[in-house]
Structures are given as structure tokens and as C-alpha cells.
Amino acid sequence: MKSIKFFSSLLVLTFVLACSSSNDSGTDCDSLADATDAAQAAYLTATPDNQVTRCNAYKAALQNEIVNCGDEFGDLQAIVDGLNCTASTTTGTLSMSLGSAPISFDEITVTTTGTTRHVHGENSTTTSYIVDFDVEIGQTGANKINNFQLRLLSQTYTPLIPAAFGNNWTNNITVNSSTSIVGTFRGELVNAGQTSVQDMLGGVVDIDF
């Protein structure tokens, strides 16, 4: 009778250890997924100075997750394949007017993640003006600019839809190739607290990268 009880205890112990090992493996993959998410968040908020470094860190996190946890449907590998971690040289025009005040961005970068191109513009003479928006690769026509943000004097402005004073948000992309983006945009922008509205006119993107 004692030997039967001892054997039963061994079975229970083996089962507990097996479950613990499985949970540890799952926890490791959860941690790797969290690391990938953090690297992605850092990459999406990269500046021209750290874009290459953060892009490579994001790619490394994806590859680490693939190696250790698999990639059953190839989604992670597709992101890796779509990442371009080389420093981009972008020339052309990225400008707008706020009321009658013109703003021009002379430091422009274009980064690509999957099927999305992210355009980032800064003014080299001041940190008060930063613009960001996304365009899906190859798409042209009306309303193809997504996630538009203008950083102005420490506040972030986004399109006000519908407009309060009649200048409705509109944009049109006429060229969207592997090396160029050309289009126009305009509309009212509002800050996060909706306490300030900016009247944006004459927005132009005409860049080669």
C-alpha cells in the first residue's frame, strides 16, 4: 500500500512540474512580445537622430521573438521584411500656413513600416514646430493622409472634424511612388483640450526620398 501511495505522489509531482514548465515557457513568450511592443512604440516615436538605432532595435526584438516563440502565420517576418533601417535622405518641400504665418520644415524623414510610410518634418531653427503623418504605400487620391499631427509650441494639434469655422479637413495625394510623395492638405486643427483652434492653409508635401 505504501508503494502505491509513493507512486501516486510521483505522478502528481511530475504533472505539477510539467505544468510549471509550460507556464514558464508561455511567460517567456509574453515577455518577448512585450519587448517587441516596447521597441515598436519607441520606433514609431523616433526622431531623425535616433531613427536608425530604434529601427534596428525593433527589428532585433521581432527576430528574437520569431526565433524563440515562432511565427506561425509569418506576420512578424512580414514586418521585419518591411522595415528599412537605413538613414533616409529626403529632399523637397513640406510646408503650410497657420493663418497668414508660413511654416516650412527643412528636416524631413520618411520611414516605412509594413505598408505604411511615416513622414516626419522639423524646422531646424526651432523645436516649436514638428509635423507627422502617415500615407499607405501606393495610395493616391482624397483623404489618404492619416494620423496627422502638428506639434506647435508644446501642444499637439490634430484635424478638427467637423470644422468649427468652415475650413474642413481635406487632403489629396497625387503622387505616391517608391521614391516620392506629392500632395496637398488643409483644415482646422485643434489641441488635445479643444481650447485652441489653428486655421491651417496651403499645406504642401512634395518630397523625394
N, C-alpha and C. Protein backbone atom coordinates (compact mmCIF):
# COMPACT_ATOMS: atom_id res chain seq x y z
N MET A 1 0.84 -1.20 0.00
CA MET A 1 0.00 0.00 0.00
C MET A 1 0.88 1.25 0.00
N LYS A 2 1.97 1.25 0.74
CA LYS A 2 2.87 2.41 0.79
C LYS A 2 3.48 2.68 -0.57
N SER A 3 3.87 1.59 -1.29
CA SER A 3 4.49 1.77 -2.60
C SER A 3 3.52 2.38 -3.59
N ILE A 4 2.23 2.04 -3.49
CA ILE A 4 1.22 2.60 -4.39
C ILE A 4 1.07 4.09 -4.12
N LYS A 5 1.02 4.49 -2.84
CA LYS A 5 0.91 5.90 -2.49
C LYS A 5 2.12 6.68 -2.97
N PHE A 6 3.33 6.09 -2.85
CA PHE A 6 4.55 6.75 -3.29
C PHE A 6 4.54 6.97 -4.80
N PHE A 7 4.08 5.95 -5.54
CA PHE A 7 4.00 6.04 -6.99
C PHE A 7 3.01 7.14 -7.41
N SER A 8 1.88 7.21 -6.69
CA SER A 8 0.89 8.24 -6.99
C SER A 8 1.47 9.63 -6.75
N SER A 9 2.24 9.77 -5.70
CA SER A 9 2.84 11.06 -5.38
C SER A 9 3.80 11.49 -6.47
N LEU A 10 4.55 10.51 -7.03
CA LEU A 10 5.47 10.82 -8.11
C LEU A 10 4.73 11.32 -9.34
N LEU A 11 3.59 10.70 -9.64
CA LEU A 11 2.79 11.13 -10.80
C LEU A 11 2.30 12.56 -10.63
N VAL A 12 1.82 12.87 -9.41
CA VAL A 12 1.34 14.22 -9.15
C VAL A 12 2.47 15.23 -9.28
N LEU A 13 3.65 14.91 -8.74
CA LEU A 13 4.79 15.80 -8.81
C LEU A 13 5.22 16.03 -10.26
N THR A 14 5.24 14.94 -11.04
CA THR A 14 5.61 15.06 -12.46
C THR A 14 4.64 15.96 -13.20
N PHE A 15 3.35 15.82 -12.92
CA PHE A 15 2.33 16.64 -13.58
C PHE A 15 2.49 18.12 -13.22
N VAL A 16 2.76 18.39 -11.94
CA VAL A 16 2.94 19.76 -11.48
C VAL A 16 4.15 20.40 -12.14
N LEU A 17 5.26 19.64 -12.22
CA LEU A 17 6.47 20.16 -12.86
C LEU A 17 6.24 20.43 -14.33
N ALA A 18 5.50 19.56 -15.00
CA ALA A 18 5.22 19.74 -16.42
C ALA A 18 4.40 20.99 -16.65
N CYS A 19 3.40 21.23 -15.81
CA CYS A 19 2.58 22.42 -15.95
C CYS A 19 3.39 23.67 -15.67
N SER A 20 4.27 23.59 -14.67
CA SER A 20 5.10 24.73 -14.34
C SER A 20 6.01 25.09 -15.48
N SER A 21 6.60 24.06 -16.14
CA SER A 21 7.48 24.30 -17.28
C SER A 21 6.74 24.96 -18.41
N SER A 22 5.50 24.51 -18.68
CA SER A 22 4.69 25.09 -19.74
C SER A 22 4.35 26.54 -19.46
N ASN A 23 4.04 26.84 -18.20
CA ASN A 23 3.71 28.21 -17.82
C ASN A 23 4.92 29.12 -17.97
N ASP A 24 6.10 28.60 -17.58
CA ASP A 24 7.32 29.38 -17.71
C ASP A 24 7.58 29.73 -19.16
N SER A 25 7.37 28.75 -20.05
CA SER A 25 7.58 28.98 -21.48
C SER A 25 6.64 30.06 -21.99
N GLY A 26 5.38 29.98 -21.60
CA GLY A 26 4.41 30.99 -22.02
C GLY A 26 4.77 32.35 -21.50
N THR A 27 5.22 32.42 -20.25
CA THR A 27 5.60 33.69 -19.67
C THR A 27 6.77 34.30 -20.41
N ASP A 28 7.72 33.49 -20.82
CA ASP A 28 8.86 33.98 -21.58
C ASP A 28 8.40 34.59 -22.90
N CYS A 29 7.49 33.95 -23.59
CA CYS A 29 7.00 34.47 -24.86
C CYS A 29 6.18 35.74 -24.65
N ASP A 30 5.46 35.80 -23.57
CA ASP A 30 4.74 37.03 -23.25
C ASP A 30 5.73 38.18 -23.04
N SER A 31 6.83 37.87 -22.36
CA SER A 31 7.85 38.90 -22.11
C SER A 31 8.49 39.37 -23.41
N LEU A 32 8.76 38.42 -24.31
CA LEU A 32 9.35 38.78 -25.59
C LEU A 32 8.38 39.61 -26.42
N ALA A 33 7.10 39.27 -26.37
CA ALA A 33 6.08 40.06 -27.08
C ALA A 33 6.00 41.46 -26.51
N ASP A 34 6.09 41.58 -25.18
CA ASP A 34 6.07 42.90 -24.55
C ASP A 34 7.29 43.72 -24.98
N ALA A 35 8.45 43.04 -25.07
CA ALA A 35 9.66 43.73 -25.51
C ALA A 35 9.53 44.22 -26.94
N THR A 36 8.88 43.41 -27.78
CA THR A 36 8.64 43.81 -29.17
C THR A 36 7.72 45.02 -29.23
N ASP A 37 6.66 45.01 -28.43
CA ASP A 37 5.72 46.13 -28.39
C ASP A 37 6.42 47.41 -27.95
N ALA A 38 7.29 47.28 -26.94
CA ALA A 38 8.01 48.46 -26.45
C ALA A 38 8.96 49.00 -27.50
N ALA A 39 9.63 48.08 -28.22
CA ALA A 39 10.55 48.51 -29.27
C ALA A 39 9.79 49.17 -30.42
N GLN A 40 8.59 48.66 -30.72
CA GLN A 40 7.77 49.27 -31.76
C GLN A 40 7.34 50.69 -31.36
N ALA A 41 6.91 50.84 -30.11
CA ALA A 41 6.48 52.16 -29.63
C ALA A 41 7.64 53.16 -29.70
N ALA A 42 8.83 52.72 -29.35
CA ALA A 42 10.00 53.59 -29.41
C ALA A 42 10.32 53.96 -30.85
N TYR A 43 10.19 52.99 -31.76
CA TYR A 43 10.47 53.24 -33.18
C TYR A 43 9.48 54.22 -33.78
N LEU A 44 8.21 54.09 -33.43
CA LEU A 44 7.18 54.95 -34.01
C LEU A 44 7.29 56.39 -33.52
N THR A 45 8.00 56.62 -32.42
CA THR A 45 8.20 57.97 -31.92
C THR A 45 9.65 58.43 -32.12
N ALA A 46 10.36 57.77 -33.03
CA ALA A 46 11.76 58.10 -33.28
C ALA A 46 11.90 59.48 -33.91
N THR A 47 13.04 60.09 -33.66
CA THR A 47 13.41 61.35 -34.29
C THR A 47 14.46 61.06 -35.35
N PRO A 48 14.78 62.02 -36.20
CA PRO A 48 15.83 61.77 -37.20
C PRO A 48 17.15 61.32 -36.60
N ASP A 49 17.45 61.79 -35.38
CA ASP A 49 18.72 61.45 -34.75
C ASP A 49 18.79 60.00 -34.28
N ASN A 50 17.64 59.42 -33.88
CA ASN A 50 17.70 58.06 -33.34
C ASN A 50 16.88 57.05 -34.16
N GLN A 51 16.41 57.46 -35.33
CA GLN A 51 15.53 56.60 -36.13
C GLN A 51 16.21 55.29 -36.51
N VAL A 52 17.46 55.35 -36.98
CA VAL A 52 18.16 54.13 -37.40
C VAL A 52 18.37 53.19 -36.21
N THR A 53 18.79 53.75 -35.08
CA THR A 53 19.05 52.93 -33.89
C THR A 53 17.77 52.25 -33.41
N ARG A 54 16.67 52.99 -33.35
CA ARG A 54 15.42 52.42 -32.87
C ARG A 54 14.83 51.43 -33.87
N CYS A 55 15.04 51.68 -35.15
CA CYS A 55 14.57 50.74 -36.16
C CYS A 55 15.29 49.40 -36.02
N ASN A 56 16.60 49.44 -35.86
CA ASN A 56 17.37 48.21 -35.69
C ASN A 56 17.01 47.48 -34.40
N ALA A 57 16.70 48.23 -33.35
CA ALA A 57 16.28 47.62 -32.08
C ALA A 57 14.93 46.92 -32.25
N TYR A 58 14.03 47.55 -32.99
CA TYR A 58 12.72 46.95 -33.26
C TYR A 58 12.87 45.68 -34.09
N LYS A 59 13.71 45.72 -35.10
CA LYS A 59 13.93 44.55 -35.95
C LYS A 59 14.54 43.40 -35.12
N ALA A 60 15.49 43.73 -34.24
CA ALA A 60 16.12 42.71 -33.40
C ALA A 60 15.10 42.07 -32.46
N ALA A 61 14.19 42.87 -31.90
CA ALA A 61 13.16 42.35 -31.00
C ALA A 61 12.22 41.41 -31.74
N LEU A 62 11.85 41.78 -32.96
CA LEU A 62 10.99 40.92 -33.78
C LEU A 62 11.67 39.60 -34.08
N GLN A 63 12.92 39.66 -34.48
CA GLN A 63 13.66 38.45 -34.83
C GLN A 63 13.87 37.57 -33.61
N ASN A 64 14.09 38.17 -32.45
CA ASN A 64 14.25 37.40 -31.22
C ASN A 64 12.96 36.67 -30.87
N GLU A 65 11.83 37.35 -31.06
CA GLU A 65 10.53 36.71 -30.79
C GLU A 65 10.27 35.57 -31.77
N ILE A 66 10.63 35.77 -33.04
CA ILE A 66 10.44 34.72 -34.04
C ILE A 66 11.25 33.48 -33.69
N VAL A 67 12.53 33.68 -33.35
CA VAL A 67 13.44 32.56 -33.06
C VAL A 67 12.97 31.77 -31.85
N ASN A 68 12.53 32.48 -30.81
CA ASN A 68 12.22 31.82 -29.54
C ASN A 68 10.77 31.37 -29.40
N CYS A 69 9.86 32.02 -30.14
CA CYS A 69 8.44 31.71 -29.95
C CYS A 69 7.72 31.34 -31.23
N GLY A 70 8.42 31.41 -32.37
CA GLY A 70 7.79 31.04 -33.62
C GLY A 70 7.00 32.18 -34.24
N ASP A 71 6.53 31.95 -35.44
CA ASP A 71 5.77 32.96 -36.19
C ASP A 71 4.87 32.20 -37.16
N GLU A 72 3.83 31.60 -36.61
CA GLU A 72 3.01 30.62 -37.34
C GLU A 72 2.50 31.14 -38.68
N PHE A 73 2.04 32.39 -38.71
CA PHE A 73 1.43 32.92 -39.92
C PHE A 73 2.34 33.89 -40.67
N GLY A 74 3.56 34.06 -40.19
CA GLY A 74 4.52 34.92 -40.88
C GLY A 74 4.29 36.40 -40.70
N ASP A 75 3.45 36.79 -39.73
CA ASP A 75 3.14 38.21 -39.54
C ASP A 75 4.36 38.99 -39.07
N LEU A 76 5.11 38.42 -38.14
CA LEU A 76 6.28 39.12 -37.62
C LEU A 76 7.36 39.25 -38.68
N GLN A 77 7.56 38.19 -39.46
CA GLN A 77 8.57 38.24 -40.52
C GLN A 77 8.19 39.27 -41.58
N ALA A 78 6.90 39.43 -41.83
CA ALA A 78 6.45 40.43 -42.80
C ALA A 78 6.84 41.83 -42.34
N ILE A 79 6.73 42.08 -41.03
CA ILE A 79 7.12 43.39 -40.51
C ILE A 79 8.62 43.58 -40.65
N VAL A 80 9.40 42.52 -40.33
CA VAL A 80 10.85 42.59 -40.48
C VAL A 80 11.22 42.91 -41.92
N ASP A 81 10.58 42.23 -42.86
CA ASP A 81 10.89 42.45 -44.28
C ASP A 81 10.53 43.86 -44.73
N GLY A 82 9.54 44.46 -44.08
CA GLY A 82 9.10 45.80 -44.47
C GLY A 82 9.88 46.93 -43.83
N LEU A 83 10.72 46.61 -42.85
CA LEU A 83 11.49 47.65 -42.17
C LEU A 83 12.70 48.07 -42.98
N ASN A 84 12.87 49.36 -43.15
CA ASN A 84 14.05 49.92 -43.80
C ASN A 84 14.81 50.73 -42.76
N CYS A 85 15.90 50.17 -42.28
CA CYS A 85 16.63 50.80 -41.18
C CYS A 85 17.84 51.62 -41.65
N THR A 86 17.88 51.95 -42.92
CA THR A 86 18.94 52.81 -43.41
C THR A 86 18.51 54.26 -43.29
N ALA A 87 19.47 55.13 -43.06
CA ALA A 87 19.17 56.55 -42.94
C ALA A 87 18.65 57.08 -44.27
N SER A 88 17.52 57.77 -44.22
CA SER A 88 16.94 58.28 -45.45
C SER A 88 17.43 59.69 -45.74
N THR A 89 17.59 59.98 -47.01
CA THR A 89 17.92 61.33 -47.45
C THR A 89 16.71 61.86 -48.18
N THR A 90 16.03 62.80 -47.56
CA THR A 90 14.78 63.31 -48.11
C THR A 90 14.95 64.77 -48.52
N THR A 91 14.52 65.09 -49.74
CA THR A 91 14.59 66.46 -50.23
C THR A 91 13.22 66.89 -50.73
N GLY A 92 13.02 68.20 -50.82
CA GLY A 92 11.76 68.70 -51.34
C GLY A 92 11.10 69.67 -50.39
N THR A 93 9.78 69.77 -50.49
CA THR A 93 9.02 70.77 -49.74
C THR A 93 7.99 70.12 -48.83
N LEU A 94 7.96 70.57 -47.59
CA LEU A 94 6.91 70.21 -46.64
C LEU A 94 6.58 71.50 -45.90
N SER A 95 5.42 72.08 -46.19
CA SER A 95 5.12 73.41 -45.66
C SER A 95 3.63 73.61 -45.50
N MET A 96 3.27 74.69 -44.80
CA MET A 96 1.88 75.05 -44.57
C MET A 96 1.85 76.48 -44.05
N SER A 97 0.65 77.01 -43.91
CA SER A 97 0.48 78.31 -43.26
C SER A 97 -0.54 78.17 -42.15
N LEU A 98 -0.29 78.81 -41.03
CA LEU A 98 -1.26 78.91 -39.96
C LEU A 98 -1.81 80.32 -40.00
N GLY A 99 -3.01 80.48 -40.53
CA GLY A 99 -3.50 81.81 -40.83
C GLY A 99 -2.62 82.41 -41.91
N SER A 100 -1.96 83.51 -41.61
CA SER A 100 -1.06 84.14 -42.58
C SER A 100 0.41 83.84 -42.30
N ALA A 101 0.69 83.02 -41.28
CA ALA A 101 2.08 82.73 -40.90
C ALA A 101 2.57 81.46 -41.58
N PRO A 102 3.56 81.55 -42.48
CA PRO A 102 4.06 80.36 -43.16
C PRO A 102 5.00 79.55 -42.26
N ILE A 103 4.92 78.24 -42.38
CA ILE A 103 5.82 77.33 -41.67
C ILE A 103 6.41 76.36 -42.68
N SER A 104 7.73 76.26 -42.69
CA SER A 104 8.40 75.34 -43.59
C SER A 104 9.28 74.39 -42.79
N PHE A 105 9.26 73.12 -43.17
CA PHE A 105 10.04 72.09 -42.46
C PHE A 105 11.20 71.68 -43.37
N ASP A 106 12.43 71.95 -42.91
CA ASP A 106 13.59 71.67 -43.73
C ASP A 106 14.32 70.39 -43.32
N GLU A 107 13.90 69.75 -42.24
CA GLU A 107 14.45 68.46 -41.85
C GLU A 107 13.33 67.43 -41.96
N ILE A 108 13.38 66.63 -43.02
CA ILE A 108 12.29 65.71 -43.34
C ILE A 108 12.83 64.29 -43.40
N THR A 109 12.11 63.36 -42.76
CA THR A 109 12.46 61.95 -42.86
C THR A 109 11.23 61.15 -43.25
N VAL A 110 11.46 60.08 -43.96
CA VAL A 110 10.39 59.15 -44.34
C VAL A 110 10.82 57.76 -43.92
N THR A 111 10.02 57.11 -43.07
CA THR A 111 10.30 55.75 -42.63
C THR A 111 9.13 54.85 -43.06
N THR A 112 9.45 53.59 -43.28
CA THR A 112 8.45 52.65 -43.77
C THR A 112 8.33 51.47 -42.81
N THR A 113 7.09 51.18 -42.40
CA THR A 113 6.79 50.01 -41.58
C THR A 113 5.67 49.24 -42.26
N GLY A 114 6.00 48.05 -42.76
CA GLY A 114 4.99 47.28 -43.49
C GLY A 114 4.54 48.04 -44.72
N THR A 115 3.25 48.38 -44.79
CA THR A 115 2.70 49.10 -45.94
C THR A 115 2.50 50.58 -45.66
N THR A 116 3.01 51.06 -44.54
CA THR A 116 2.78 52.45 -44.13
C THR A 116 4.07 53.26 -44.20
N ARG A 117 3.97 54.44 -44.82
CA ARG A 117 5.08 55.39 -44.81
C ARG A 117 4.76 56.50 -43.82
N HIS A 118 5.72 56.79 -42.96
CA HIS A 118 5.56 57.83 -41.95
C HIS A 118 6.44 59.01 -42.34
N VAL A 119 5.81 60.17 -42.48
CA VAL A 119 6.52 61.40 -42.83
C VAL A 119 6.67 62.25 -41.57
N HIS A 120 7.90 62.68 -41.31
CA HIS A 120 8.21 63.48 -40.11
C HIS A 120 8.97 64.72 -40.56
N GLY A 121 8.49 65.90 -40.13
CA GLY A 121 9.16 67.14 -40.50
C GLY A 121 9.45 68.01 -39.30
N GLU A 122 10.63 68.63 -39.30
CA GLU A 122 11.01 69.55 -38.25
C GLU A 122 11.61 70.80 -38.88
N ASN A 123 11.58 71.88 -38.11
CA ASN A 123 12.22 73.11 -38.53
C ASN A 123 13.55 73.22 -37.79
N SER A 124 14.66 73.32 -38.54
CA SER A 124 15.98 73.26 -37.93
C SER A 124 16.29 74.47 -37.05
N THR A 125 15.53 75.54 -37.21
CA THR A 125 15.80 76.75 -36.43
C THR A 125 15.02 76.81 -35.12
N THR A 126 14.07 75.90 -34.92
CA THR A 126 13.26 75.92 -33.70
C THR A 126 12.70 74.53 -33.43
N THR A 127 12.50 74.22 -32.17
CA THR A 127 11.88 72.95 -31.80
C THR A 127 10.37 73.11 -31.60
N SER A 128 9.85 74.30 -31.93
CA SER A 128 8.44 74.58 -31.67
C SER A 128 7.50 73.98 -32.71
N TYR A 129 8.04 73.59 -33.88
CA TYR A 129 7.19 73.12 -34.96
C TYR A 129 7.63 71.73 -35.42
N ILE A 130 6.75 70.75 -35.28
CA ILE A 130 7.00 69.38 -35.73
C ILE A 130 5.72 68.85 -36.36
N VAL A 131 5.82 68.21 -37.51
CA VAL A 131 4.64 67.64 -38.16
C VAL A 131 4.88 66.16 -38.42
N ASP A 132 3.83 65.36 -38.26
CA ASP A 132 3.89 63.93 -38.51
C ASP A 132 2.60 63.48 -39.19
N PHE A 133 2.72 62.57 -40.16
CA PHE A 133 1.54 61.93 -40.74
C PHE A 133 1.95 60.67 -41.47
N ASP A 134 0.95 59.83 -41.76
CA ASP A 134 1.17 58.55 -42.44
C ASP A 134 0.45 58.53 -43.78
N VAL A 135 1.04 57.78 -44.71
CA VAL A 135 0.42 57.54 -46.01
C VAL A 135 0.68 56.07 -46.36
N GLU A 136 -0.37 55.36 -46.75
CA GLU A 136 -0.19 53.97 -47.17
C GLU A 136 0.51 53.93 -48.52
N ILE A 137 1.45 53.00 -48.67
CA ILE A 137 2.25 52.90 -49.89
C ILE A 137 1.36 52.77 -51.11
N GLY A 138 1.61 53.62 -52.11
CA GLY A 138 0.94 53.50 -53.40
C GLY A 138 -0.43 54.14 -53.49
N GLN A 139 -1.03 54.54 -52.37
CA GLN A 139 -2.39 55.09 -52.42
C GLN A 139 -2.37 56.56 -52.82
N THR A 140 -3.25 56.92 -53.74
CA THR A 140 -3.41 58.30 -54.16
C THR A 140 -4.88 58.68 -54.11
N GLY A 141 -5.13 60.00 -54.16
CA GLY A 141 -6.50 60.49 -54.13
C GLY A 141 -6.80 61.23 -52.85
N ALA A 142 -8.09 61.47 -52.63
CA ALA A 142 -8.54 62.25 -51.47
C ALA A 142 -8.45 61.44 -50.19
N ASN A 143 -8.13 62.14 -49.09
CA ASN A 143 -8.17 61.57 -47.73
C ASN A 143 -7.26 60.36 -47.57
N LYS A 144 -6.05 60.46 -48.10
CA LYS A 144 -5.07 59.38 -47.95
C LYS A 144 -4.03 59.69 -46.88
N ILE A 145 -4.06 60.90 -46.32
CA ILE A 145 -3.16 61.23 -45.22
C ILE A 145 -3.84 60.82 -43.91
N ASN A 146 -3.14 60.03 -43.11
CA ASN A 146 -3.68 59.53 -41.84
C ASN A 146 -2.83 60.00 -40.67
N ASN A 147 -3.44 60.03 -39.49
CA ASN A 147 -2.73 60.30 -38.23
C ASN A 147 -1.95 61.62 -38.27
N PHE A 148 -2.55 62.64 -38.85
CA PHE A 148 -1.88 63.93 -38.95
C PHE A 148 -1.78 64.59 -37.59
N GLN A 149 -0.57 65.06 -37.26
CA GLN A 149 -0.33 65.77 -36.01
C GLN A 149 0.63 66.93 -36.26
N LEU A 150 0.32 68.07 -35.67
CA LEU A 150 1.22 69.21 -35.70
C LEU A 150 1.58 69.58 -34.28
N ARG A 151 2.87 69.55 -33.97
CA ARG A 151 3.36 69.96 -32.66
C ARG A 151 3.68 71.44 -32.73
N LEU A 152 2.97 72.24 -31.97
CA LEU A 152 3.09 73.69 -32.04
C LEU A 152 3.17 74.26 -30.64
N LEU A 153 4.33 74.84 -30.30
CA LEU A 153 4.51 75.50 -29.01
C LEU A 153 4.07 74.59 -27.85
N SER A 154 4.60 73.37 -27.85
CA SER A 154 4.41 72.38 -26.78
C SER A 154 3.00 71.80 -26.72
N GLN A 155 2.18 72.05 -27.75
CA GLN A 155 0.86 71.43 -27.82
C GLN A 155 0.74 70.65 -29.12
N THR A 156 -0.04 69.57 -29.08
CA THR A 156 -0.24 68.74 -30.25
C THR A 156 -1.62 69.00 -30.83
N TYR A 157 -1.66 69.34 -32.11
CA TYR A 157 -2.90 69.64 -32.80
C TYR A 157 -3.21 68.56 -33.83
N THR A 158 -4.48 68.20 -33.91
CA THR A 158 -4.96 67.21 -34.87
C THR A 158 -6.16 67.79 -35.62
N PRO A 159 -6.54 67.21 -36.76
CA PRO A 159 -7.67 67.75 -37.53
C PRO A 159 -8.96 67.84 -36.71
N LEU A 160 -9.63 68.98 -36.82
CA LEU A 160 -10.92 69.20 -36.17
C LEU A 160 -12.02 68.81 -37.15
N ILE A 161 -12.72 67.72 -36.83
CA ILE A 161 -13.75 67.19 -37.73
C ILE A 161 -15.06 67.04 -36.94
N PRO A 162 -16.13 67.74 -37.33
CA PRO A 162 -16.18 68.75 -38.41
C PRO A 162 -15.53 70.04 -37.96
N ALA A 163 -15.19 70.88 -38.94
CA ALA A 163 -14.55 72.16 -38.65
C ALA A 163 -15.51 73.09 -37.92
N ALA A 164 -14.95 73.95 -37.09
CA ALA A 164 -15.78 74.89 -36.33
C ALA A 164 -16.09 76.15 -37.14
N PHE A 165 -15.17 76.52 -38.04
CA PHE A 165 -15.32 77.79 -38.74
C PHE A 165 -15.33 77.63 -40.27
N GLY A 166 -15.55 76.40 -40.73
CA GLY A 166 -15.76 76.20 -42.16
C GLY A 166 -14.58 75.70 -42.98
N ASN A 167 -13.38 75.68 -42.40
CA ASN A 167 -12.21 75.18 -43.13
C ASN A 167 -12.06 73.69 -42.84
N ASN A 168 -12.84 72.88 -43.53
CA ASN A 168 -12.88 71.44 -43.27
C ASN A 168 -11.57 70.76 -43.64
N TRP A 169 -11.22 69.75 -42.85
CA TRP A 169 -10.00 68.97 -43.10
C TRP A 169 -10.14 68.23 -44.42
N THR A 170 -9.14 68.45 -45.28
CA THR A 170 -9.11 67.76 -46.56
C THR A 170 -7.67 67.57 -47.00
N ASN A 171 -7.42 66.51 -47.74
CA ASN A 171 -6.09 66.27 -48.26
C ASN A 171 -6.18 65.46 -49.54
N ASN A 172 -5.18 65.58 -50.37
CA ASN A 172 -5.19 64.89 -51.65
C ASN A 172 -3.75 64.51 -52.02
N ILE A 173 -3.51 63.24 -52.23
CA ILE A 173 -2.20 62.75 -52.64
C ILE A 173 -2.24 62.46 -54.14
N THR A 174 -1.36 63.12 -54.89
CA THR A 174 -1.35 62.96 -56.34
C THR A 174 -0.24 62.03 -56.82
N VAL A 175 0.86 61.94 -56.08
CA VAL A 175 1.96 61.03 -56.42
C VAL A 175 2.34 60.27 -55.16
N ASN A 176 2.45 58.95 -55.27
CA ASN A 176 2.82 58.12 -54.14
C ASN A 176 3.58 56.92 -54.68
N SER A 177 4.86 57.14 -54.97
CA SER A 177 5.69 56.11 -55.59
C SER A 177 6.69 55.56 -54.58
N SER A 178 7.60 54.76 -55.05
CA SER A 178 8.62 54.19 -54.16
C SER A 178 9.66 55.22 -53.75
N THR A 179 9.66 56.40 -54.40
CA THR A 179 10.66 57.42 -54.10
C THR A 179 10.07 58.81 -53.88
N SER A 180 8.76 58.99 -54.06
CA SER A 180 8.18 60.34 -53.96
C SER A 180 6.79 60.33 -53.35
N ILE A 181 6.48 61.42 -52.65
CA ILE A 181 5.12 61.68 -52.19
C ILE A 181 4.80 63.14 -52.52
N VAL A 182 3.69 63.35 -53.22
CA VAL A 182 3.28 64.70 -53.59
C VAL A 182 1.80 64.86 -53.26
N GLY A 183 1.45 65.98 -52.64
CA GLY A 183 0.04 66.22 -52.35
C GLY A 183 -0.18 67.53 -51.62
N THR A 184 -1.44 67.76 -51.24
CA THR A 184 -1.82 68.97 -50.54
C THR A 184 -2.70 68.62 -49.34
N PHE A 185 -2.80 69.54 -48.38
CA PHE A 185 -3.65 69.33 -47.21
C PHE A 185 -3.99 70.68 -46.59
N ARG A 186 -5.13 70.74 -45.92
CA ARG A 186 -5.54 71.95 -45.23
C ARG A 186 -6.68 71.60 -44.26
N GLY A 187 -7.02 72.52 -43.38
CA GLY A 187 -8.13 72.32 -42.47
C GLY A 187 -7.87 72.91 -41.11
N GLU A 188 -8.89 72.91 -40.29
CA GLU A 188 -8.75 73.40 -38.93
C GLU A 188 -8.16 72.31 -38.04
N LEU A 189 -7.26 72.75 -37.15
CA LEU A 189 -6.62 71.85 -36.21
C LEU A 189 -6.97 72.28 -34.79
N VAL A 190 -7.10 71.29 -33.91
CA VAL A 190 -7.47 71.60 -32.53
C VAL A 190 -6.51 70.89 -31.58
N ASN A 191 -6.23 71.52 -30.42
CA ASN A 191 -5.36 70.89 -29.44
C ASN A 191 -6.13 69.85 -28.63
N ALA A 192 -5.40 69.12 -27.80
CA ALA A 192 -6.00 67.99 -27.08
C ALA A 192 -7.15 68.43 -26.17
N GLY A 193 -7.02 69.60 -25.54
CA GLY A 193 -8.07 70.06 -24.65
C GLY A 193 -9.18 70.81 -25.36
N GLN A 194 -9.05 70.93 -26.69
CA GLN A 194 -10.01 71.65 -27.51
C GLN A 194 -10.24 73.08 -27.01
N THR A 195 -9.14 73.70 -26.60
CA THR A 195 -9.19 75.09 -26.14
C THR A 195 -8.59 76.04 -27.16
N SER A 196 -7.97 75.48 -28.22
CA SER A 196 -7.33 76.32 -29.23
C SER A 196 -7.50 75.69 -30.60
N VAL A 197 -7.90 76.49 -31.57
CA VAL A 197 -8.07 76.04 -32.95
C VAL A 197 -7.11 76.82 -33.84
N GLN A 198 -6.40 76.09 -34.69
CA GLN A 198 -5.48 76.70 -35.64
C GLN A 198 -6.05 76.52 -37.05
N ASP A 199 -6.03 77.60 -37.85
CA ASP A 199 -6.54 77.56 -39.21
C ASP A 199 -5.38 77.28 -40.16
N MET A 200 -5.24 76.02 -40.59
CA MET A 200 -4.13 75.63 -41.44
C MET A 200 -4.53 75.71 -42.91
N LEU A 201 -3.72 76.41 -43.68
CA LEU A 201 -3.99 76.61 -45.10
C LEU A 201 -2.76 76.23 -45.93
N GLY A 202 -2.98 75.90 -47.17
CA GLY A 202 -1.90 75.75 -48.13
C GLY A 202 -0.86 74.71 -47.78
N GLY A 203 -1.26 73.61 -47.13
CA GLY A 203 -0.30 72.55 -46.82
C GLY A 203 0.18 71.85 -48.09
N VAL A 204 1.51 71.68 -48.20
CA VAL A 204 2.11 71.06 -49.38
C VAL A 204 3.13 70.02 -48.94
N VAL A 205 3.04 68.84 -49.53
CA VAL A 205 4.10 67.84 -49.42
C VAL A 205 4.55 67.49 -50.82
N ASP A 206 5.82 67.68 -51.09
CA ASP A 206 6.40 67.39 -52.41
C ASP A 206 7.84 66.96 -52.17
N ILE A 207 8.01 65.68 -51.81
CA ILE A 207 9.30 65.21 -51.34
C ILE A 207 9.79 63.98 -52.11
N ASP A 208 11.10 63.88 -52.23
CA ASP A 208 11.76 62.70 -52.78
C ASP A 208 12.59 62.07 -51.68
N PHE A 209 12.61 60.77 -51.61
CA PHE A 209 13.33 60.09 -50.53
C PHE A 209 14.03 58.84 -51.05
